[in-house]
Amino acid sequence: MSQQGPIIVVSGGLSTALSAALKDAKLFSVIDTDWPEAACAVEELQPAAVVVSGAADLRFATLASQIGRLSPYVPLIVIDPPTSLPANALPLALVDGSLERLSARLRAALRIRALHAAVLRRIGDDAAALRALTETDPIQDASVLLVGRAGHFPGLSVALGERIGVVGAFSIEAAAKHLNTRDLDGIVLGEGFSARVVDAFLTMLAEDARFRVLPVLLTGAGGNVAGDLPNLEPISGALDRIAANSLPLIRQHAFAARLSRILRAIDARGLLDARTGLLTPQAFAHDFARAIAQARSGGGLSVARFSFRRDDERARLDAARIISRLMRPTDFGTLERDGSIVVAFSDADLRSAHMIARRLCSVMKHTLHGTREQQAEPDVSAATLLPTDSPTSILARLGEARRAAS
């Protein structure tokens, strides 16, 4: 893998072993340094990645902040972190003293660095894409699947829920269902399952390319950590520490997902909203007018509006991403400026539109921190194309249906 820079190893006593592990994995070039020289080495060498041992050093927080300001993304991996980590520091716990997992973790992180570099090359003067890249912390987009049914599950749900969106599952079967319907940025696997069940679940994740790079945080007993999941990490301790040290890996995945959305928007020449994966309002208006013209020559067209009672930007964006993933290939939608989501259903009458919208809503019930609060669920209105309709009139009728329903 071309990494465009060296890997800096900041040692706290593991320098020889760390360097040997990286060189055995053919990740060159590797440069050793110590804590007094670490900041200067990062500034002068502009590394592709930094691996740290001995993060208890008082200079670690300053070094992490320095690395976090670099662009493109520079992974910072911390061996056996003794305390809660900064936002950009990825934990790597040694299991039986082995560094075997280091190269896989580093390769996965370097692929995200390469993706970030590709976005920066292609973004040019695209103001919308640049705003989507830098406007918010990626953790604000993140959702994590918390799986467990005993022990500290309730407390961990609260600790994580204060920081990111949480989808809860009490069984492995429910977890697999969420994985197939949601865009998730990590899995936190708690207590309540046997080692055999945990190993089977991890094997399923490793065998599916969609989930192989997902962060998987093991907080309970069991599970083969030396598997084929590069971002599998055992984390123990107080609930706040588990939550804090889970966030960097989850944030990294959310950042990679954001980069992928931005690349798709660039490839679509500005027709897609980089935040949601749906069409921009202008592109939707153009395609909607064309769909109406085509529907007049045969086939139906219906439209639905999903409106949220709570003024929650996160819920709207998460819902828009769910719709962009689950809607049929022939359908298209947009996130409107008032925060509602409008979706056009090709070849669908009003009954079919209601049925599709209900299916989408059944997934969106868990949008906001995995709760079933009524105010977190969207209100849905639908309308179907009449012979006399224009794009303006059918959308106006859709708005009237929404007001009547409320």
Protein backbone atom coordinates (compact mmCIF):
# COMPACT_ATOMS: atom_id res chain seq x y z
CA MET A 1 0.00 0.00 0.00
CA SER A 2 1.32 3.42 -0.96
CA GLN A 3 1.18 5.55 2.16
CA GLN A 4 2.99 8.75 1.10
CA GLY A 5 4.95 9.15 4.33
CA PRO A 6 6.68 7.14 7.03
CA ILE A 7 5.13 5.45 10.02
CA ILE A 8 6.42 7.01 13.22
CA VAL A 9 6.70 4.78 16.28
CA VAL A 10 6.77 6.66 19.59
CA SER A 11 8.07 4.20 22.11
CA GLY A 12 7.35 3.66 25.73
CA GLY A 13 9.49 0.55 25.95
CA LEU A 14 8.10 -1.45 22.99
CA SER A 15 10.13 0.23 20.25
CA THR A 16 11.93 -2.87 18.99
CA ALA A 17 8.86 -5.07 19.06
CA LEU A 18 6.64 -2.43 17.40
CA SER A 19 9.10 -1.72 14.63
CA ALA A 20 9.63 -5.42 14.02
CA ALA A 21 5.87 -6.04 13.79
CA LEU A 22 5.43 -3.23 11.28
CA LYS A 23 8.43 -4.26 9.19
CA ASP A 24 7.29 -7.89 9.15
CA ALA A 25 4.00 -6.61 7.72
CA LYS A 26 6.00 -4.74 5.03
CA LEU A 27 4.70 -1.35 6.13
CA PHE A 28 7.68 0.86 5.27
CA SER A 29 9.29 3.06 6.15
CA VAL A 30 9.21 2.86 9.94
CA ILE A 31 10.95 5.52 12.02
CA ASP A 32 11.50 5.16 15.76
CA THR A 33 11.50 8.15 18.05
CA ASP A 34 11.04 8.87 21.73
CA TRP A 35 8.73 11.22 23.58
CA PRO A 36 11.02 14.28 23.74
CA GLU A 37 11.45 14.20 19.94
CA ALA A 38 7.96 13.05 18.94
CA ALA A 39 6.41 16.45 18.16
CA CYS A 40 9.40 17.53 16.06
CA ALA A 41 9.38 14.22 14.18
CA VAL A 42 5.69 14.60 13.29
CA GLU A 43 6.19 18.19 12.15
CA GLU A 44 9.24 17.46 10.01
CA LEU A 45 8.36 14.05 8.55
CA GLN A 46 4.61 14.50 7.90
CA PRO A 47 3.90 10.82 8.67
CA ALA A 48 1.23 8.59 7.15
CA ALA A 49 0.52 7.15 10.60
CA VAL A 50 1.75 7.29 14.19
CA VAL A 51 1.88 4.35 16.60
CA VAL A 52 2.29 5.20 20.28
CA SER A 53 3.21 3.11 23.28
CA GLY A 54 3.25 4.69 26.72
CA ALA A 55 0.37 7.12 26.24
CA ALA A 56 0.46 7.99 29.94
CA ASP A 57 3.22 10.45 29.10
CA LEU A 58 2.11 14.02 29.82
CA ARG A 59 3.03 15.01 26.26
CA PHE A 60 0.54 12.58 24.69
CA ALA A 61 -2.49 14.90 24.63
CA THR A 62 -0.43 17.62 22.89
CA LEU A 63 0.89 15.12 20.36
CA ALA A 64 -2.63 13.79 19.65
CA SER A 65 -3.88 17.33 19.06
CA GLN A 66 -0.98 18.03 16.69
CA ILE A 67 -1.70 14.87 14.69
CA GLY A 68 -5.42 15.64 14.59
CA ARG A 69 -4.74 18.89 12.73
CA LEU A 70 -2.87 17.16 9.89
CA SER A 71 -4.47 16.63 6.49
CA PRO A 72 -5.13 14.19 4.95
CA TYR A 73 -6.14 12.06 7.91
CA VAL A 74 -3.24 10.60 9.91
CA PRO A 75 -4.17 7.52 11.99
CA LEU A 76 -2.93 7.55 15.59
CA ILE A 77 -2.88 4.08 17.17
CA VAL A 78 -2.29 3.76 20.90
CA ILE A 79 -1.02 0.47 22.34
CA ASP A 80 -2.73 -0.52 25.60
CA PRO A 81 -4.14 2.92 26.48
CA PRO A 82 -4.07 3.44 30.26
CA THR A 83 -6.74 6.15 30.34
CA SER A 84 -9.59 7.58 28.27
CA LEU A 85 -8.40 8.61 24.85
CA PRO A 86 -8.54 11.82 22.78
CA ALA A 87 -11.02 11.86 19.92
CA ASN A 88 -8.51 10.82 17.24
CA ALA A 89 -6.57 8.12 19.13
CA LEU A 90 -7.44 4.54 18.18
CA PRO A 91 -6.96 1.98 20.97
CA LEU A 92 -5.18 -1.33 20.42
CA ALA A 93 -5.18 -3.65 23.43
CA LEU A 94 -2.43 -6.24 23.52
CA VAL A 95 -3.88 -9.74 23.83
CA ASP A 96 -1.39 -12.12 25.45
CA GLY A 97 1.29 -9.53 24.66
CA SER A 98 0.88 -10.05 20.90
CA LEU A 99 1.19 -7.29 18.28
CA GLU A 100 -0.32 -9.53 15.60
CA ARG A 101 -3.41 -7.30 15.17
CA LEU A 102 -1.43 -4.09 14.67
CA SER A 103 -0.78 -4.41 10.93
CA ALA A 104 -4.43 -5.17 10.10
CA ARG A 105 -5.63 -2.20 12.19
CA LEU A 106 -3.07 0.06 10.53
CA ARG A 107 -3.85 -1.08 6.98
CA ALA A 108 -7.56 -0.42 7.52
CA ALA A 109 -6.80 3.08 8.84
CA LEU A 110 -4.43 3.83 5.96
CA ARG A 111 -7.19 3.00 3.48
CA ILE A 112 -9.27 5.76 5.09
CA ARG A 113 -6.31 8.11 4.77
CA ALA A 114 -6.14 7.26 1.04
CA LEU A 115 -9.89 7.88 0.71
CA HIS A 116 -9.53 11.27 2.41
CA ALA A 117 -6.65 12.17 0.07
CA ALA A 118 -8.79 11.23 -2.95
CA VAL A 119 -11.64 13.47 -1.74
CA LEU A 120 -9.27 16.39 -1.16
CA ARG A 121 -7.86 15.98 -4.70
CA ARG A 122 -11.27 15.93 -6.32
CA ILE A 123 -13.23 18.37 -4.21
CA GLY A 124 -11.84 21.46 -5.95
CA ASP A 125 -14.07 24.49 -5.42
CA ASP A 126 -17.21 22.46 -4.70
CA ALA A 127 -18.53 24.51 -1.79
CA ALA A 128 -21.30 22.06 -0.87
CA ALA A 129 -18.91 19.09 -0.73
CA LEU A 130 -16.35 21.08 1.24
CA ARG A 131 -19.02 22.13 3.73
CA ALA A 132 -20.18 18.51 4.10
CA LEU A 133 -16.58 17.47 4.78
CA THR A 134 -15.77 20.02 7.46
CA GLU A 135 -19.03 21.35 8.89
CA THR A 136 -19.45 18.97 11.86
CA ASP A 137 -17.63 16.31 13.83
CA PRO A 138 -18.30 12.92 12.16
CA ILE A 139 -19.34 11.50 15.54
CA GLN A 140 -22.52 13.58 15.23
CA ASP A 141 -23.47 11.37 12.25
CA ALA A 142 -22.62 8.10 13.97
CA SER A 143 -24.95 5.35 15.12
CA VAL A 144 -23.81 2.27 17.02
CA LEU A 145 -25.48 -1.10 17.57
CA LEU A 146 -25.43 -2.14 21.24
CA VAL A 147 -25.99 -5.86 21.67
CA GLY A 148 -26.47 -7.43 25.10
CA ARG A 149 -29.02 -8.72 27.58
CA ALA A 150 -27.42 -8.70 31.01
CA GLY A 151 -24.93 -7.01 33.28
CA HIS A 152 -24.05 -3.44 32.41
CA PHE A 153 -26.23 -3.20 29.26
CA PRO A 154 -28.56 -0.46 30.66
CA GLY A 155 -25.68 1.64 32.00
CA LEU A 156 -23.67 1.24 28.82
CA SER A 157 -26.72 2.23 26.78
CA VAL A 158 -26.93 5.48 28.74
CA ALA A 159 -23.16 6.14 28.60
CA LEU A 160 -23.09 5.67 24.82
CA GLY A 161 -26.44 7.39 24.24
CA GLU A 162 -25.12 10.61 25.78
CA ARG A 163 -22.51 10.75 23.01
CA ILE A 164 -23.92 9.06 19.87
CA GLY A 165 -27.05 7.43 18.47
CA VAL A 166 -27.65 3.95 19.87
CA VAL A 167 -29.70 1.10 18.42
CA GLY A 168 -30.31 -1.63 21.00
CA ALA A 169 -30.62 -5.37 20.40
CA PHE A 170 -31.17 -8.08 23.02
CA SER A 171 -30.29 -10.98 20.73
CA ILE A 172 -27.83 -11.82 17.96
CA GLU A 173 -30.78 -12.39 15.60
CA ALA A 174 -32.10 -8.87 16.24
CA ALA A 175 -28.60 -7.49 15.77
CA ALA A 176 -28.28 -9.19 12.37
CA LYS A 177 -31.62 -7.67 11.33
CA HIS A 178 -30.43 -4.17 12.23
CA LEU A 179 -27.19 -4.72 10.33
CA ASN A 180 -29.16 -5.46 7.17
CA THR A 181 -31.41 -2.40 7.42
CA ARG A 182 -29.28 0.32 9.00
CA ASP A 183 -26.11 2.21 8.20
CA LEU A 184 -24.13 1.65 11.39
CA ASP A 185 -20.70 2.86 12.46
CA GLY A 186 -19.89 0.25 15.06
CA ILE A 187 -21.06 -2.63 17.21
CA VAL A 188 -20.69 -2.76 20.98
CA LEU A 189 -21.06 -6.36 22.09
CA GLY A 190 -21.95 -6.66 25.76
CA GLU A 191 -22.62 -9.49 28.17
CA GLY A 192 -25.18 -12.26 28.10
CA PHE A 193 -23.86 -14.50 25.32
CA SER A 194 -21.69 -17.60 25.37
CA ALA A 195 -18.24 -17.60 23.80
CA ARG A 196 -19.54 -19.91 21.06
CA VAL A 197 -22.34 -17.51 20.12
CA VAL A 198 -19.96 -14.52 20.13
CA ASP A 199 -17.46 -16.37 17.91
CA ALA A 200 -20.21 -17.32 15.46
CA PHE A 201 -21.36 -13.69 15.28
CA LEU A 202 -17.82 -12.43 14.70
CA THR A 203 -17.29 -15.05 11.99
CA MET A 204 -20.46 -13.87 10.24
CA LEU A 205 -19.19 -10.28 10.32
CA ALA A 206 -15.77 -11.28 8.98
CA GLU A 207 -17.28 -13.22 6.08
CA ASP A 208 -19.46 -10.33 4.89
CA ALA A 209 -17.59 -7.56 3.07
CA ARG A 210 -20.20 -5.02 4.21
CA PHE A 211 -19.29 -5.50 7.87
CA ARG A 212 -15.65 -6.57 7.83
CA VAL A 213 -14.22 -3.14 8.68
CA LEU A 214 -16.92 -2.19 11.20
CA PRO A 215 -15.54 -1.38 14.65
CA VAL A 216 -16.57 -4.17 16.99
CA LEU A 217 -16.04 -3.44 20.69
CA LEU A 218 -16.06 -6.45 22.97
CA THR A 219 -17.03 -5.45 26.51
CA GLY A 220 -17.95 -8.90 27.81
CA ALA A 221 -16.24 -12.26 28.01
CA GLY A 222 -15.71 -14.51 25.00
CA GLY A 223 -14.84 -13.89 21.38
CA ASN A 224 -11.78 -14.69 19.31
CA VAL A 225 -9.93 -11.36 19.17
CA ALA A 226 -7.29 -12.73 16.79
CA GLY A 227 -9.82 -13.05 13.94
CA ASP A 228 -10.20 -11.38 10.55
CA LEU A 229 -11.85 -8.17 11.79
CA PRO A 230 -9.25 -5.37 11.71
CA ASN A 231 -11.25 -3.10 14.02
CA LEU A 232 -12.20 -5.69 16.63
CA GLU A 233 -11.22 -4.35 20.04
CA PRO A 234 -11.68 -5.67 23.60
CA ILE A 235 -12.49 -2.84 26.03
CA SER A 236 -13.07 -3.19 29.75
CA GLY A 237 -13.27 -0.97 32.82
CA ALA A 238 -15.76 1.64 33.99
CA LEU A 239 -18.71 2.35 31.71
CA ASP A 240 -17.59 5.91 30.96
CA ARG A 241 -14.14 4.64 29.95
CA ILE A 242 -15.65 1.94 27.72
CA ALA A 243 -17.83 4.56 26.01
CA ALA A 244 -14.98 7.09 25.64
CA ASN A 245 -12.50 4.57 24.20
CA SER A 246 -15.11 3.16 21.82
CA LEU A 247 -15.69 6.56 20.20
CA PRO A 248 -12.41 6.96 18.24
CA LEU A 249 -12.94 3.78 16.20
CA ILE A 250 -16.62 4.67 15.68
CA ARG A 251 -15.69 8.23 14.69
CA GLN A 252 -13.16 6.90 12.16
CA HIS A 253 -15.82 4.72 10.51
CA ALA A 254 -18.32 7.60 10.44
CA PHE A 255 -15.63 9.76 8.81
CA ALA A 256 -15.02 7.09 6.15
CA ALA A 257 -18.77 6.88 5.47
CA ARG A 258 -18.90 10.67 5.09
CA LEU A 259 -15.99 10.56 2.64
CA SER A 260 -17.73 7.88 0.57
CA ARG A 261 -20.92 9.97 0.40
CA ILE A 262 -18.92 13.00 -0.72
CA LEU A 263 -17.20 11.00 -3.47
CA ARG A 264 -20.57 9.76 -4.73
CA ALA A 265 -21.83 13.36 -4.76
CA ILE A 266 -18.76 14.48 -6.72
CA ASP A 267 -19.24 11.62 -9.20
CA ALA A 268 -22.87 12.69 -9.60
CA ARG A 269 -21.67 16.19 -10.54
CA GLY A 270 -23.49 17.89 -7.70
CA LEU A 271 -26.87 16.16 -8.20
CA LEU A 272 -26.60 14.26 -4.91
CA ASP A 273 -26.57 15.82 -1.45
CA ALA A 274 -23.28 14.73 0.14
CA ARG A 275 -24.87 14.69 3.61
CA THR A 276 -27.76 12.35 2.80
CA GLY A 277 -27.18 10.46 -0.46
CA LEU A 278 -30.52 11.81 -1.74
CA LEU A 279 -30.93 14.23 -4.63
CA THR A 280 -30.42 17.94 -4.07
CA PRO A 281 -33.68 19.94 -4.14
CA GLN A 282 -32.84 21.32 -7.60
CA ALA A 283 -32.06 17.88 -9.02
CA PHE A 284 -35.23 16.46 -7.45
CA ALA A 285 -37.37 19.20 -9.05
CA HIS A 286 -35.87 18.41 -12.47
CA ASP A 287 -36.32 14.64 -12.15
CA PHE A 288 -39.81 15.03 -10.67
CA ALA A 289 -41.02 17.08 -13.63
CA ARG A 290 -39.57 14.52 -16.03
CA ALA A 291 -41.14 11.62 -14.08
CA ILE A 292 -44.56 13.28 -14.28
CA ALA A 293 -44.20 13.68 -18.05
CA GLN A 294 -43.24 10.00 -18.40
CA ALA A 295 -46.07 8.85 -16.11
CA ARG A 296 -48.65 10.48 -18.39
CA SER A 297 -47.69 8.06 -21.17
CA GLY A 298 -48.23 5.03 -18.93
CA GLY A 299 -47.59 3.89 -15.39
CA GLY A 300 -48.34 5.66 -12.16
CA LEU A 301 -46.51 8.07 -9.91
CA SER A 302 -47.06 8.78 -6.24
CA VAL A 303 -45.20 10.90 -3.74
CA ALA A 304 -44.82 10.83 0.04
CA ARG A 305 -43.61 13.38 2.55
CA PHE A 306 -41.95 12.41 5.85
CA SER A 307 -42.16 15.22 8.41
CA PHE A 308 -40.62 15.33 11.89
CA ARG A 309 -42.30 16.95 14.87
CA ARG A 310 -39.02 17.55 16.63
CA ASP A 311 -36.50 20.05 15.27
CA ASP A 312 -33.67 17.51 15.30
CA GLU A 313 -31.12 17.79 12.51
CA ARG A 314 -29.51 14.49 13.40
CA ALA A 315 -32.80 12.59 13.18
CA ARG A 316 -33.59 14.10 9.78
CA LEU A 317 -30.17 13.28 8.34
CA ASP A 318 -30.25 9.76 9.71
CA ALA A 319 -33.75 9.23 8.30
CA ALA A 320 -32.67 10.59 4.91
CA ARG A 321 -29.75 8.15 4.80
CA ILE A 322 -32.03 5.26 5.73
CA ILE A 323 -34.39 6.20 2.89
CA SER A 324 -31.55 6.60 0.38
CA ARG A 325 -30.39 3.09 1.28
CA LEU A 326 -33.75 1.30 1.39
CA MET A 327 -35.87 2.92 -1.31
CA ARG A 328 -36.33 1.10 -4.60
CA PRO A 329 -33.87 1.78 -7.45
CA THR A 330 -36.63 3.49 -9.46
CA ASP A 331 -37.55 5.89 -6.65
CA PHE A 332 -35.86 9.17 -5.78
CA GLY A 333 -36.11 11.72 -2.99
CA THR A 334 -34.75 14.84 -1.39
CA LEU A 335 -34.34 16.48 2.00
CA GLU A 336 -36.20 19.77 1.73
CA ARG A 337 -35.14 23.03 3.32
CA ASP A 338 -37.97 22.81 5.86
CA GLY A 339 -36.53 19.52 7.16
CA SER A 340 -39.08 17.18 5.59
CA ILE A 341 -38.15 14.37 3.21
CA VAL A 342 -40.06 13.97 -0.08
CA VAL A 343 -39.84 10.71 -2.01
CA ALA A 344 -41.32 9.99 -5.46
CA PHE A 345 -42.44 6.39 -6.10
CA SER A 346 -42.44 5.43 -9.78
CA ASP A 347 -45.15 3.05 -11.07
CA ALA A 348 -46.99 3.20 -7.74
CA ASP A 349 -50.61 4.02 -6.93
CA LEU A 350 -51.65 5.64 -3.64
CA ARG A 351 -52.11 2.30 -1.87
CA SER A 352 -48.64 1.12 -2.90
CA ALA A 353 -47.11 4.45 -1.85
CA HIS A 354 -48.65 4.15 1.63
CA MET A 355 -47.38 0.58 1.94
CA ILE A 356 -43.80 1.53 0.94
CA ALA A 357 -43.86 4.56 3.23
CA ARG A 358 -45.02 2.43 6.18
CA ARG A 359 -42.12 0.04 5.61
CA LEU A 360 -39.66 2.92 5.63
CA CYS A 361 -41.24 4.33 8.78
CA SER A 362 -40.91 0.99 10.57
CA VAL A 363 -37.14 1.33 10.21
CA MET A 364 -37.06 5.04 11.03
CA LYS A 365 -38.77 4.49 14.40
CA HIS A 366 -35.30 3.82 15.81
CA THR A 367 -33.67 6.85 14.21
CA LEU A 368 -33.23 8.96 17.34
CA HIS A 369 -30.99 7.14 19.85
CA GLY A 370 -32.85 3.90 19.18
CA THR A 371 -35.97 5.02 21.03
CA ARG A 372 -39.61 4.58 20.15
CA GLU A 373 -40.65 8.04 21.26
CA GLN A 374 -43.66 9.17 19.27
CA GLN A 375 -42.13 12.56 18.53
CA ALA A 376 -39.10 10.85 16.97
CA GLU A 377 -41.24 9.10 14.38
CA PRO A 378 -42.08 10.92 11.14
CA ASP A 379 -45.60 11.94 10.14
CA VAL A 380 -46.34 10.66 6.64
CA SER A 381 -48.61 12.10 3.97
CA ALA A 382 -49.00 10.75 0.44
CA ALA A 383 -50.57 11.79 -2.86
CA THR A 384 -50.86 10.22 -6.30
CA LEU A 385 -50.66 11.84 -9.71
CA LEU A 386 -53.96 13.02 -11.21
CA PRO A 387 -54.47 13.74 -14.93
CA THR A 388 -54.54 17.50 -14.31
CA ASP A 389 -51.55 17.61 -11.95
CA SER A 390 -48.39 19.65 -12.39
CA PRO A 391 -45.30 19.24 -10.18
CA THR A 392 -46.46 22.21 -8.14
CA SER A 393 -50.07 21.05 -7.67
CA ILE A 394 -49.27 17.50 -6.55
CA LEU A 395 -46.73 18.79 -4.00
CA ALA A 396 -49.26 21.37 -2.80
CA ARG A 397 -51.84 18.62 -2.35
CA LEU A 398 -49.22 16.63 -0.44
CA GLY A 399 -48.77 19.61 1.89
CA GLU A 400 -52.53 19.86 2.40
CA ALA A 401 -52.64 16.16 3.34
CA ARG A 402 -49.89 16.72 5.89
CA ARG A 403 -51.72 19.67 7.49
CA ALA A 404 -54.98 17.68 7.62
CA ALA A 405 -53.20 14.76 9.28
CA SER A 406 -51.65 17.00 11.95
